[in-house]
């Protein structure tokens, strides 16, 4: 007899609820600035632009490689500045 079990992933964490900003004293302008910063830091707009068009797997691989090289060079520059 074969049973179908629905396995839970080991690192099954609840999904985050998104970006939240609290408005204090009705200061909507300040809340909007904070929200825009959070959106930019989270990379939401960048991901939205990337998903707006199909990206071939070969192009995706090439882009990821370039981003990794860029991160590595940035880290190397940082380490050189410390010495």
C-alpha atoms as a PDB file:
ATOM      1  CA  UNK A   1       0.000   0.000   0.000  1.00  0.00           C
ATOM      2  CA  UNK A   2       1.443   3.375  -1.069  1.00  0.00           C
ATOM      3  CA  UNK A   3       0.622   6.435   0.984  1.00  0.00           C
ATOM      4  CA  UNK A   4       0.996   9.984  -0.192  1.00  0.00           C
ATOM      5  CA  UNK A   5       2.503  12.132   2.510  1.00  0.00           C
ATOM      6  CA  UNK A   6       2.675  15.853   2.298  1.00  0.00           C
ATOM      7  CA  UNK A   7       6.126  16.635   3.656  1.00  0.00           C
ATOM      8  CA  UNK A   8       6.908  19.960   5.191  1.00  0.00           C
ATOM      9  CA  UNK A   9      10.127  21.626   4.231  1.00  0.00           C
ATOM     10  CA  UNK A  10      12.657  21.833   7.009  1.00  0.00           C
ATOM     11  CA  UNK A  11      13.034  25.584   6.803  1.00  0.00           C
ATOM     12  CA  UNK A  12       9.348  26.252   6.231  1.00  0.00           C
ATOM     13  CA  UNK A  13       9.034  29.774   7.595  1.00  0.00           C
ATOM     14  CA  UNK A  14       5.927  31.898   7.377  1.00  0.00           C
ATOM     15  CA  UNK A  15       6.079  34.340   4.507  1.00  0.00           C
ATOM     16  CA  UNK A  16       6.743  37.926   5.442  1.00  0.00           C
ATOM     17  CA  UNK A  17       3.805  40.229   5.360  1.00  0.00           C
ATOM     18  CA  UNK A  18       5.392  42.763   3.054  1.00  0.00           C
ATOM     19  CA  UNK A  19       6.641  46.250   3.718  1.00  0.00           C
ATOM     20  CA  UNK A  20       4.940  48.176   6.491  1.00  0.00           C
ATOM     21  CA  UNK A  21       5.229  51.834   7.389  1.00  0.00           C
ATOM     22  CA  UNK A  22       3.490  53.443  10.341  1.00  0.00           C
ATOM     23  CA  UNK A  23       2.154  56.980   9.909  1.00  0.00           C
ATOM     24  CA  UNK A  24       2.719  59.152  12.961  1.00  0.00           C
ATOM     25  CA  UNK A  25       0.838  62.420  13.593  1.00  0.00           C
ATOM     26  CA  UNK A  26      -0.744  62.283  10.126  1.00  0.00           C
ATOM     27  CA  UNK A  27       2.644  62.947   8.496  1.00  0.00           C
ATOM     28  CA  UNK A  28       1.951  61.137   5.233  1.00  0.00           C
ATOM     29  CA  UNK A  29       4.855  62.740   3.332  1.00  0.00           C
ATOM     30  CA  UNK A  30       7.429  61.360   5.753  1.00  0.00           C
ATOM     31  CA  UNK A  31       5.768  57.933   5.683  1.00  0.00           C
ATOM     32  CA  UNK A  32       5.912  57.939   1.858  1.00  0.00           C
ATOM     33  CA  UNK A  33       9.635  58.788   1.911  1.00  0.00           C
ATOM     34  CA  UNK A  34      10.295  55.948   4.347  1.00  0.00           C
ATOM     35  CA  UNK A  35       8.196  53.570   2.220  1.00  0.00           C
ATOM     36  CA  UNK A  36      10.058  54.510  -0.965  1.00  0.00           C
ATOM     37  CA  UNK A  37      13.395  53.876   0.749  1.00  0.00           C
ATOM     38  CA  UNK A  38      12.213  50.474   1.977  1.00  0.00           C
ATOM     39  CA  UNK A  39      10.962  49.526  -1.500  1.00  0.00           C
ATOM     40  CA  UNK A  40      14.268  50.563  -3.070  1.00  0.00           C
ATOM     41  CA  UNK A  41      16.337  48.735  -0.466  1.00  0.00           C
ATOM     42  CA  UNK A  42      14.276  45.559  -0.869  1.00  0.00           C
ATOM     43  CA  UNK A  43      14.816  45.669  -4.647  1.00  0.00           C
ATOM     44  CA  UNK A  44      11.132  45.443  -5.473  1.00  0.00           C
ATOM     45  CA  UNK A  45      11.270  47.817  -8.444  1.00  0.00           C
ATOM     46  CA  UNK A  46      14.393  46.186  -9.860  1.00  0.00           C
ATOM     47  CA  UNK A  47      12.761  42.763  -9.692  1.00  0.00           C
ATOM     48  CA  UNK A  48       9.568  44.119 -11.245  1.00  0.00           C
ATOM     49  CA  UNK A  49      11.520  45.479 -14.221  1.00  0.00           C
ATOM     50  CA  UNK A  50      13.384  42.193 -14.588  1.00  0.00           C
ATOM     51  CA  UNK A  51      10.138  40.203 -14.634  1.00  0.00           C
ATOM     52  CA  UNK A  52       8.369  42.493 -17.099  1.00  0.00           C
ATOM     53  CA  UNK A  53      10.081  40.724 -20.023  1.00  0.00           C
ATOM     54  CA  UNK A  54      11.179  37.151 -20.521  1.00  0.00           C
ATOM     55  CA  UNK A  55      14.882  36.581 -19.972  1.00  0.00           C
ATOM     56  CA  UNK A  56      16.509  33.652 -21.715  1.00  0.00           C
ATOM     57  CA  UNK A  57      18.292  31.239 -19.360  1.00  0.00           C
ATOM     58  CA  UNK A  58      21.631  31.924 -21.057  1.00  0.00           C
ATOM     59  CA  UNK A  59      21.188  35.696 -20.592  1.00  0.00           C
ATOM     60  CA  UNK A  60      20.139  35.175 -16.982  1.00  0.00           C
ATOM     61  CA  UNK A  61      23.245  33.089 -16.316  1.00  0.00           C
ATOM     62  CA  UNK A  62      25.443  35.739 -17.951  1.00  0.00           C
ATOM     63  CA  UNK A  63      23.827  38.544 -15.906  1.00  0.00           C
ATOM     64  CA  UNK A  64      24.210  36.616 -12.637  1.00  0.00           C
ATOM     65  CA  UNK A  65      27.893  36.015 -13.424  1.00  0.00           C
ATOM     66  CA  UNK A  66      28.475  39.736 -14.099  1.00  0.00           C
ATOM     67  CA  UNK A  67      26.707  40.666 -10.845  1.00  0.00           C
ATOM     68  CA  UNK A  68      28.845  38.183  -8.913  1.00  0.00           C
ATOM     69  CA  UNK A  69      32.047  39.585 -10.424  1.00  0.00           C
ATOM     70  CA  UNK A  70      30.901  43.109  -9.581  1.00  0.00           C
ATOM     71  CA  UNK A  71      30.208  42.114  -5.953  1.00  0.00           C
ATOM     72  CA  UNK A  72      33.567  40.356  -5.688  1.00  0.00           C
ATOM     73  CA  UNK A  73      35.481  43.382  -7.071  1.00  0.00           C
ATOM     74  CA  UNK A  74      33.635  45.687  -4.689  1.00  0.00           C
ATOM     75  CA  UNK A  75      34.599  43.450  -1.770  1.00  0.00           C
ATOM     76  CA  UNK A  76      38.226  43.397  -2.921  1.00  0.00           C
ATOM     77  CA  UNK A  77      38.308  47.216  -3.121  1.00  0.00           C
ATOM     78  CA  UNK A  78      36.885  47.403   0.392  1.00  0.00           C
ATOM     79  CA  UNK A  79      39.519  45.019   1.718  1.00  0.00           C
ATOM     80  CA  UNK A  80      42.321  46.967   0.019  1.00  0.00           C
ATOM     81  CA  UNK A  81      41.125  50.219   1.601  1.00  0.00           C
ATOM     82  CA  UNK A  82      41.382  48.707   5.071  1.00  0.00           C
ATOM     83  CA  UNK A  83      45.021  47.744   4.587  1.00  0.00           C
END
